[in-house]
N, C-alpha and C. Protein backbone atom coordinates (compact mmCIF):
# COMPACT_ATOMS: atom_id res chain seq x y z
N UNK A 1 141.92 121.12 56.68
CA UNK A 1 141.86 119.83 55.98
C UNK A 1 140.61 118.98 56.75
N UNK A 2 139.86 118.51 55.87
CA UNK A 2 138.70 117.80 56.24
C UNK A 2 138.78 116.34 56.60
N UNK A 3 138.18 115.83 57.67
CA UNK A 3 138.21 114.61 57.89
C UNK A 3 137.38 113.55 57.15
N UNK A 4 137.93 112.39 56.66
CA UNK A 4 137.10 111.66 55.80
C UNK A 4 136.39 110.48 56.75
N UNK A 5 135.16 110.51 56.70
CA UNK A 5 134.55 109.60 57.63
C UNK A 5 134.61 108.19 57.43
N UNK A 6 134.98 107.43 58.34
CA UNK A 6 135.21 106.02 58.05
C UNK A 6 133.92 105.37 57.46
N UNK A 7 134.04 104.03 57.37
CA UNK A 7 132.77 103.18 56.98
C UNK A 7 131.70 102.98 58.31
N UNK A 8 130.59 103.14 57.96
CA UNK A 8 129.46 103.10 58.87
C UNK A 8 129.60 101.88 59.64
N UNK A 9 129.21 101.67 60.67
CA UNK A 9 129.35 100.41 61.44
C UNK A 9 128.24 99.52 60.99
N UNK A 10 128.73 98.17 61.07
CA UNK A 10 128.28 97.22 60.15
C UNK A 10 127.49 96.08 61.41
N UNK A 11 126.28 95.75 60.99
CA UNK A 11 125.51 94.79 61.66
C UNK A 11 126.38 93.44 61.80
N UNK A 12 126.30 92.81 62.83
CA UNK A 12 126.98 91.24 62.81
C UNK A 12 126.31 90.68 61.75
N UNK A 13 127.02 89.62 61.11
CA UNK A 13 126.76 88.89 59.90
C UNK A 13 125.56 88.14 60.38
N UNK A 14 124.55 87.75 59.43
CA UNK A 14 123.42 87.04 59.88
C UNK A 14 122.18 87.88 60.12
N UNK A 15 121.21 87.10 60.16
CA UNK A 15 119.88 88.04 60.46
C UNK A 15 119.72 88.23 61.81
N UNK A 16 119.47 89.45 62.32
CA UNK A 16 119.22 89.80 63.70
C UNK A 16 117.91 89.65 64.29
N UNK A 17 117.67 90.13 65.61
CA UNK A 17 116.38 89.66 65.93
C UNK A 17 115.39 90.99 65.44
N UNK A 18 114.15 90.65 65.64
CA UNK A 18 113.11 91.45 65.15
C UNK A 18 112.26 91.83 66.28
N UNK A 19 111.84 93.00 66.16
CA UNK A 19 110.72 93.60 67.04
C UNK A 19 109.45 93.67 66.43
N UNK A 20 108.40 92.98 66.93
CA UNK A 20 107.14 93.03 65.92
C UNK A 20 106.09 93.60 67.10
N UNK A 21 105.14 94.20 66.31
CA UNK A 21 103.85 94.87 67.12
C UNK A 21 102.89 93.67 67.15
N UNK A 22 102.12 93.67 68.15
CA UNK A 22 101.09 92.52 68.40
C UNK A 22 99.85 93.24 68.80
N UNK A 23 98.84 93.01 67.81
CA UNK A 23 97.55 93.45 68.23
C UNK A 23 96.79 92.62 69.20
N UNK A 24 96.30 93.23 70.27
CA UNK A 24 95.85 92.73 71.61
C UNK A 24 94.20 92.99 71.34
N UNK A 25 93.32 92.96 72.44
CA UNK A 25 92.03 93.00 72.40
C UNK A 25 91.78 94.40 72.23
N UNK A 26 90.88 94.60 71.54
CA UNK A 26 90.49 96.18 71.32
C UNK A 26 91.55 96.92 70.51
N UNK A 27 91.80 98.08 70.99
CA UNK A 27 92.86 98.66 70.24
C UNK A 27 94.20 98.70 71.20
N UNK A 28 94.49 97.52 71.84
CA UNK A 28 95.58 97.72 72.78
C UNK A 28 96.74 97.05 71.93
N UNK A 29 98.04 97.19 72.02
CA UNK A 29 98.83 96.91 71.28
C UNK A 29 100.11 96.31 72.46
N UNK A 30 100.89 95.28 71.84
CA UNK A 30 102.06 94.97 72.69
C UNK A 30 103.24 94.56 71.67
N UNK A 31 104.24 93.99 71.93
CA UNK A 31 105.42 93.57 71.12
C UNK A 31 105.82 92.26 71.48
N UNK A 32 106.39 91.80 70.48
CA UNK A 32 107.10 90.36 70.50
C UNK A 32 108.63 90.56 69.90
N UNK A 33 109.55 89.90 70.43
CA UNK A 33 110.87 89.92 70.12
C UNK A 33 111.15 88.50 69.70
N UNK A 34 111.51 88.50 68.26
CA UNK A 34 111.67 87.14 67.53
C UNK A 34 113.30 87.22 67.08
N UNK A 35 113.91 86.16 67.27
CA UNK A 35 115.22 85.71 66.88
C UNK A 35 115.35 85.84 65.35
N UNK A 36 116.50 85.95 64.78
CA UNK A 36 116.77 85.86 63.48
C UNK A 36 116.15 84.74 62.64
N UNK A 37 116.26 83.65 63.57
CA UNK A 37 115.64 82.36 62.78
C UNK A 37 114.05 82.44 62.99
N UNK A 38 113.56 83.28 63.65
CA UNK A 38 112.02 83.39 63.81
C UNK A 38 111.41 82.86 65.02
N UNK A 39 112.22 82.16 65.84
CA UNK A 39 111.71 81.70 67.12
C UNK A 39 111.53 82.77 68.06
N UNK A 40 110.20 82.83 68.64
CA UNK A 40 109.87 84.02 69.52
C UNK A 40 110.82 83.89 70.94
N UNK A 41 111.26 84.92 71.17
CA UNK A 41 112.26 85.05 72.55
C UNK A 41 111.46 85.45 73.73
N UNK A 42 110.70 86.54 73.38
CA UNK A 42 109.83 87.25 74.52
C UNK A 42 108.51 87.92 74.05
N UNK A 43 107.85 88.07 74.88
CA UNK A 43 106.61 89.15 74.51
C UNK A 43 106.38 90.14 75.97
N UNK A 44 105.75 91.23 75.46
CA UNK A 44 105.32 92.28 76.32
C UNK A 44 104.47 91.49 77.39
N UNK A 45 104.86 92.01 78.63
CA UNK A 45 103.81 91.55 79.58
C UNK A 45 102.66 92.07 79.84
N UNK A 46 102.31 93.31 79.17
CA UNK A 46 101.03 94.10 79.18
C UNK A 46 100.93 94.51 77.90
N UNK A 47 99.66 95.10 77.64
CA UNK A 47 99.42 95.68 76.45
C UNK A 47 99.34 97.28 76.81
N UNK A 48 99.29 98.15 75.69
CA UNK A 48 99.45 99.53 75.80
C UNK A 48 98.37 100.14 74.93
N UNK A 49 98.08 101.26 75.42
CA UNK A 49 96.75 102.01 74.76
C UNK A 49 97.04 102.53 73.42
N UNK A 50 98.26 102.89 73.12
CA UNK A 50 98.74 103.67 71.92
C UNK A 50 100.01 103.21 71.46
N UNK A 51 100.30 103.43 70.32
CA UNK A 51 101.72 103.31 69.73
C UNK A 51 102.71 104.21 70.59
N UNK A 52 102.43 105.34 70.92
CA UNK A 52 103.58 106.28 71.38
C UNK A 52 103.66 105.72 73.03
N UNK A 53 102.80 105.11 73.62
CA UNK A 53 102.88 104.45 74.92
C UNK A 53 103.87 103.23 74.64
N UNK A 54 103.57 102.49 73.67
CA UNK A 54 104.31 101.26 73.43
C UNK A 54 105.83 101.80 73.06
N UNK A 55 106.15 102.65 72.34
CA UNK A 55 107.25 103.00 72.12
C UNK A 55 108.18 103.44 73.26
N UNK A 56 107.34 104.21 74.17
CA UNK A 56 108.08 104.77 75.34
C UNK A 56 108.47 103.43 76.32
N UNK A 57 107.54 102.38 76.38
CA UNK A 57 107.91 101.23 77.14
C UNK A 57 109.09 100.58 76.54
N UNK A 58 109.09 100.44 75.29
CA UNK A 58 110.36 99.92 74.63
C UNK A 58 111.56 100.68 74.86
N UNK A 59 111.47 101.95 74.78
CA UNK A 59 112.58 102.67 74.99
C UNK A 59 113.26 102.49 76.31
N UNK A 60 112.25 102.59 77.33
CA UNK A 60 112.60 102.32 78.71
C UNK A 60 113.31 101.04 79.03
N UNK A 61 112.68 99.91 78.24
CA UNK A 61 113.12 98.67 78.32
C UNK A 61 114.77 98.69 77.88
N UNK A 62 115.01 99.16 76.62
CA UNK A 62 116.29 99.33 76.14
C UNK A 62 117.42 99.82 76.96
N UNK A 63 116.77 100.89 77.67
CA UNK A 63 117.87 102.03 78.47
C UNK A 63 117.90 101.06 79.74
N UNK A 64 117.04 100.46 80.34
CA UNK A 64 117.15 99.78 81.65
C UNK A 64 117.60 98.48 81.48
N UNK A 65 117.98 97.79 80.33
CA UNK A 65 118.12 96.18 79.99
C UNK A 65 119.16 95.69 81.07
N UNK A 66 120.07 96.46 81.20
CA UNK A 66 121.34 95.81 82.10
C UNK A 66 120.79 95.76 83.41
N UNK A 67 119.78 96.68 83.90
CA UNK A 67 119.21 96.54 85.41
C UNK A 67 117.93 95.79 85.53
N UNK A 68 117.81 94.98 84.43
CA UNK A 68 116.22 94.12 84.78
C UNK A 68 116.68 92.97 85.82
N UNK A 69 115.49 92.64 86.43
CA UNK A 69 115.45 91.73 87.41
C UNK A 69 114.78 90.49 86.87
N UNK A 70 115.03 89.33 86.82
CA UNK A 70 114.40 88.03 86.21
C UNK A 70 113.99 87.29 87.39
N UNK A 71 112.87 86.70 87.10
CA UNK A 71 112.19 85.85 88.01
C UNK A 71 111.82 84.37 87.18
N UNK A 72 111.98 83.44 87.90
CA UNK A 72 112.04 82.09 87.14
C UNK A 72 110.85 81.27 87.97
N UNK A 73 109.71 80.86 87.24
CA UNK A 73 108.66 79.98 87.77
C UNK A 73 108.24 79.08 86.99
N UNK A 74 107.64 77.91 87.49
CA UNK A 74 107.14 76.80 86.90
C UNK A 74 105.70 77.13 86.91
N UNK A 75 105.03 77.02 85.77
CA UNK A 75 103.49 77.20 85.55
C UNK A 75 102.81 75.83 85.80
N UNK A 76 101.55 75.86 85.62
CA UNK A 76 100.62 74.63 86.15
C UNK A 76 101.02 73.36 85.37
N UNK A 77 101.67 73.43 84.20
CA UNK A 77 102.02 72.32 83.20
C UNK A 77 103.43 71.97 83.66
N UNK A 78 104.05 72.62 84.76
CA UNK A 78 105.33 72.27 85.06
C UNK A 78 106.40 73.01 84.23
N UNK A 79 106.05 73.59 83.27
CA UNK A 79 107.19 74.33 82.39
C UNK A 79 107.62 75.46 83.06
N UNK A 80 109.04 75.78 82.61
CA UNK A 80 109.59 76.78 83.38
C UNK A 80 109.35 78.10 82.61
N UNK A 81 109.20 79.33 83.01
CA UNK A 81 108.99 80.55 82.42
C UNK A 81 109.79 81.62 83.23
N UNK A 82 109.91 82.78 82.53
CA UNK A 82 110.56 83.74 83.22
C UNK A 82 109.87 85.10 82.81
N UNK A 83 110.17 86.12 83.85
CA UNK A 83 109.48 87.36 83.88
C UNK A 83 110.49 88.30 84.01
N UNK A 84 110.57 89.64 83.38
CA UNK A 84 111.69 90.54 83.56
C UNK A 84 111.02 91.70 84.26
N UNK A 85 111.63 92.36 85.18
CA UNK A 85 111.10 93.58 85.91
C UNK A 85 112.18 94.55 85.79
N UNK A 86 111.50 95.91 85.54
CA UNK A 86 112.34 96.95 85.74
C UNK A 86 112.67 97.53 87.13
N UNK A 87 113.92 98.01 87.20
CA UNK A 87 114.20 98.21 88.47
C UNK A 87 113.34 99.38 89.15
N UNK A 88 113.29 99.37 90.48
CA UNK A 88 112.16 100.23 91.24
C UNK A 88 112.60 101.67 91.01
N UNK A 89 111.77 102.47 90.74
CA UNK A 89 111.95 103.99 90.45
C UNK A 89 110.62 104.67 91.40
N UNK A 90 111.08 105.70 92.02
CA UNK A 90 110.01 106.32 92.68
C UNK A 90 109.20 107.22 91.65
N UNK A 91 109.79 107.43 90.30
CA UNK A 91 109.04 108.31 89.48
C UNK A 91 107.57 107.48 88.86
N UNK A 92 107.68 106.30 88.94
CA UNK A 92 106.61 105.33 88.35
C UNK A 92 105.54 105.36 89.30
N UNK A 93 104.21 105.20 88.68
CA UNK A 93 103.29 105.39 89.62
C UNK A 93 102.91 103.96 90.32
N UNK A 94 102.43 103.83 91.47
CA UNK A 94 102.26 102.78 92.20
C UNK A 94 103.26 101.84 92.25
N UNK A 95 104.42 102.14 92.91
CA UNK A 95 105.68 101.42 92.80
C UNK A 95 105.39 99.98 93.75
N UNK A 96 104.37 100.12 94.50
CA UNK A 96 104.15 98.74 95.23
C UNK A 96 103.65 97.62 94.42
N UNK A 97 102.96 98.02 93.21
CA UNK A 97 102.41 96.92 92.50
C UNK A 97 103.30 96.58 91.41
N UNK A 98 104.46 95.81 91.63
CA UNK A 98 105.41 95.40 90.66
C UNK A 98 105.14 94.55 89.64
N UNK A 99 104.98 95.10 88.45
CA UNK A 99 104.62 94.53 87.28
C UNK A 99 105.66 94.05 86.17
N UNK A 100 105.70 92.76 85.71
CA UNK A 100 106.85 92.71 84.86
C UNK A 100 106.44 93.53 83.38
N UNK A 101 107.57 93.59 82.80
CA UNK A 101 107.76 94.52 81.39
C UNK A 101 107.63 93.48 80.26
N UNK A 102 108.37 92.26 80.57
CA UNK A 102 108.53 91.34 79.59
C UNK A 102 108.35 89.85 80.11
N UNK A 103 108.04 89.04 79.42
CA UNK A 103 108.23 87.51 79.84
C UNK A 103 108.57 86.54 78.56
N UNK A 104 108.69 85.32 79.09
CA UNK A 104 109.15 84.42 78.00
C UNK A 104 107.98 84.15 77.18
N UNK A 105 108.21 83.70 75.79
CA UNK A 105 107.31 83.69 74.81
C UNK A 105 106.83 82.24 74.85
N UNK A 106 107.59 81.27 75.48
CA UNK A 106 107.29 80.10 75.65
C UNK A 106 107.73 79.31 77.14
N UNK A 107 107.05 78.08 77.11
CA UNK A 107 107.72 77.56 78.40
C UNK A 107 108.71 76.48 78.35
N UNK A 108 109.65 76.33 79.19
CA UNK A 108 110.90 75.28 78.93
C UNK A 108 110.79 74.17 79.79
N UNK A 109 111.32 73.14 79.22
CA UNK A 109 111.42 71.67 79.93
C UNK A 109 112.19 71.96 81.37
N UNK A 110 113.46 72.62 81.13
CA UNK A 110 114.27 72.56 82.35
C UNK A 110 114.69 74.05 82.70
N UNK A 111 115.00 74.17 83.92
CA UNK A 111 115.11 75.57 84.46
C UNK A 111 116.52 76.23 83.74
N UNK A 112 117.60 75.38 83.40
CA UNK A 112 118.73 75.85 82.68
C UNK A 112 118.37 76.31 81.28
N UNK A 113 117.35 75.70 80.66
CA UNK A 113 116.86 76.06 79.35
C UNK A 113 116.21 77.45 79.50
N UNK A 114 115.39 77.59 80.31
CA UNK A 114 114.92 79.01 80.88
C UNK A 114 115.91 79.90 81.06
N UNK A 115 116.74 79.72 81.75
CA UNK A 115 118.02 80.76 81.82
C UNK A 115 118.69 81.00 80.52
N UNK A 116 118.76 80.06 79.56
CA UNK A 116 119.46 80.30 78.27
C UNK A 116 118.33 81.23 77.59
N UNK A 117 117.02 81.07 77.64
CA UNK A 117 116.09 81.79 77.07
C UNK A 117 116.26 83.37 77.43
N UNK A 118 116.48 83.78 78.82
CA UNK A 118 116.92 84.98 79.26
C UNK A 118 118.18 85.46 78.49
N UNK A 119 119.12 84.74 78.41
CA UNK A 119 120.33 85.19 77.72
C UNK A 119 120.12 85.55 76.31
N UNK A 120 119.15 84.73 75.58
CA UNK A 120 118.97 85.01 74.36
C UNK A 120 118.13 86.20 74.17
N UNK A 121 117.35 86.29 75.05
CA UNK A 121 116.36 87.81 75.26
C UNK A 121 117.35 88.88 75.40
N UNK A 122 118.37 88.77 76.32
CA UNK A 122 119.16 90.06 76.85
C UNK A 122 120.15 90.10 75.59
N UNK A 123 120.55 89.09 74.81
CA UNK A 123 121.40 89.31 73.50
C UNK A 123 120.66 90.13 72.39
N UNK A 124 119.28 89.83 72.26
CA UNK A 124 118.27 90.42 71.40
C UNK A 124 118.08 91.72 71.66
N UNK A 125 117.94 92.18 72.95
CA UNK A 125 117.82 93.54 73.33
C UNK A 125 119.09 94.37 72.77
N UNK A 126 120.28 93.65 73.26
CA UNK A 126 121.50 94.42 73.00
C UNK A 126 121.65 94.66 71.55
N UNK A 127 121.46 93.62 70.64
CA UNK A 127 121.44 93.84 69.14
C UNK A 127 120.47 94.81 68.49
N UNK A 128 119.12 94.89 69.08
CA UNK A 128 118.37 95.96 68.81
C UNK A 128 118.73 97.43 69.23
N UNK A 129 119.21 97.50 70.33
CA UNK A 129 119.78 98.79 70.88
C UNK A 129 121.05 99.27 69.70
N UNK A 130 121.81 98.21 69.57
CA UNK A 130 122.97 98.46 68.56
C UNK A 130 122.42 98.82 67.20
N UNK A 131 121.55 98.31 66.72
CA UNK A 131 120.95 98.48 65.54
C UNK A 131 120.22 100.12 65.40
N UNK A 132 119.55 100.29 66.45
CA UNK A 132 118.66 101.60 66.37
C UNK A 132 119.74 102.79 66.48
N UNK A 133 120.91 102.67 67.40
CA UNK A 133 121.92 103.75 67.35
C UNK A 133 122.86 103.78 66.33
N UNK A 134 123.02 102.71 65.44
CA UNK A 134 123.85 102.96 64.15
C UNK A 134 122.97 103.16 63.01
N UNK A 135 121.80 103.00 62.95
CA UNK A 135 121.02 103.21 61.78
C UNK A 135 120.26 104.50 62.01
N UNK A 136 120.12 105.14 63.06
CA UNK A 136 119.59 106.42 63.26
C UNK A 136 118.12 106.18 63.27
N UNK A 137 117.54 105.15 63.81
CA UNK A 137 116.04 104.88 63.56
C UNK A 137 115.58 105.02 65.11
N UNK A 138 116.30 105.27 65.90
CA UNK A 138 115.75 105.72 67.46
C UNK A 138 114.51 106.34 67.42
N UNK A 139 113.40 105.71 68.27
CA UNK A 139 112.19 106.34 68.29
C UNK A 139 111.25 106.26 67.36
N UNK A 140 111.65 105.44 66.25
CA UNK A 140 110.63 105.06 65.20
C UNK A 140 110.10 103.84 65.10
N UNK A 141 108.95 103.43 64.85
CA UNK A 141 108.24 102.25 64.95
C UNK A 141 107.57 101.95 63.44
N UNK A 142 107.96 100.65 63.01
CA UNK A 142 108.21 99.56 63.58
C UNK A 142 109.68 99.59 63.55
N UNK A 143 110.61 98.92 64.40
CA UNK A 143 111.96 98.66 64.41
C UNK A 143 112.36 97.59 63.60
């Protein structure tokens, strides 16, 4: 007797986050994460030399998203901003030079708003990972 497959997992109702490629100086590329309403949630903290390098960094970000460490600072205009750091690994080159992988796309007036921005970023990453897993699009860009 063959098993009848159930319905495919469905994306939560509403428009979800979008991951966008961002062209930097020269041939460098980065990414930006936008909420369903178009508001920018986060940006890559660095630019990458190729699309494959960018996809590898995004894959690592999604895999390590539960272990990210966040730092909150005020910039010169006194706006609150956050940066996300990958957990330390001995396999990464120059582990002493800790570099953020993501940062807030904008500044916030208050620290609690900045913390909410981190929660929106984390929710966006979870939604992206869910979409990639359920649609079979893992490893393909753009997402």
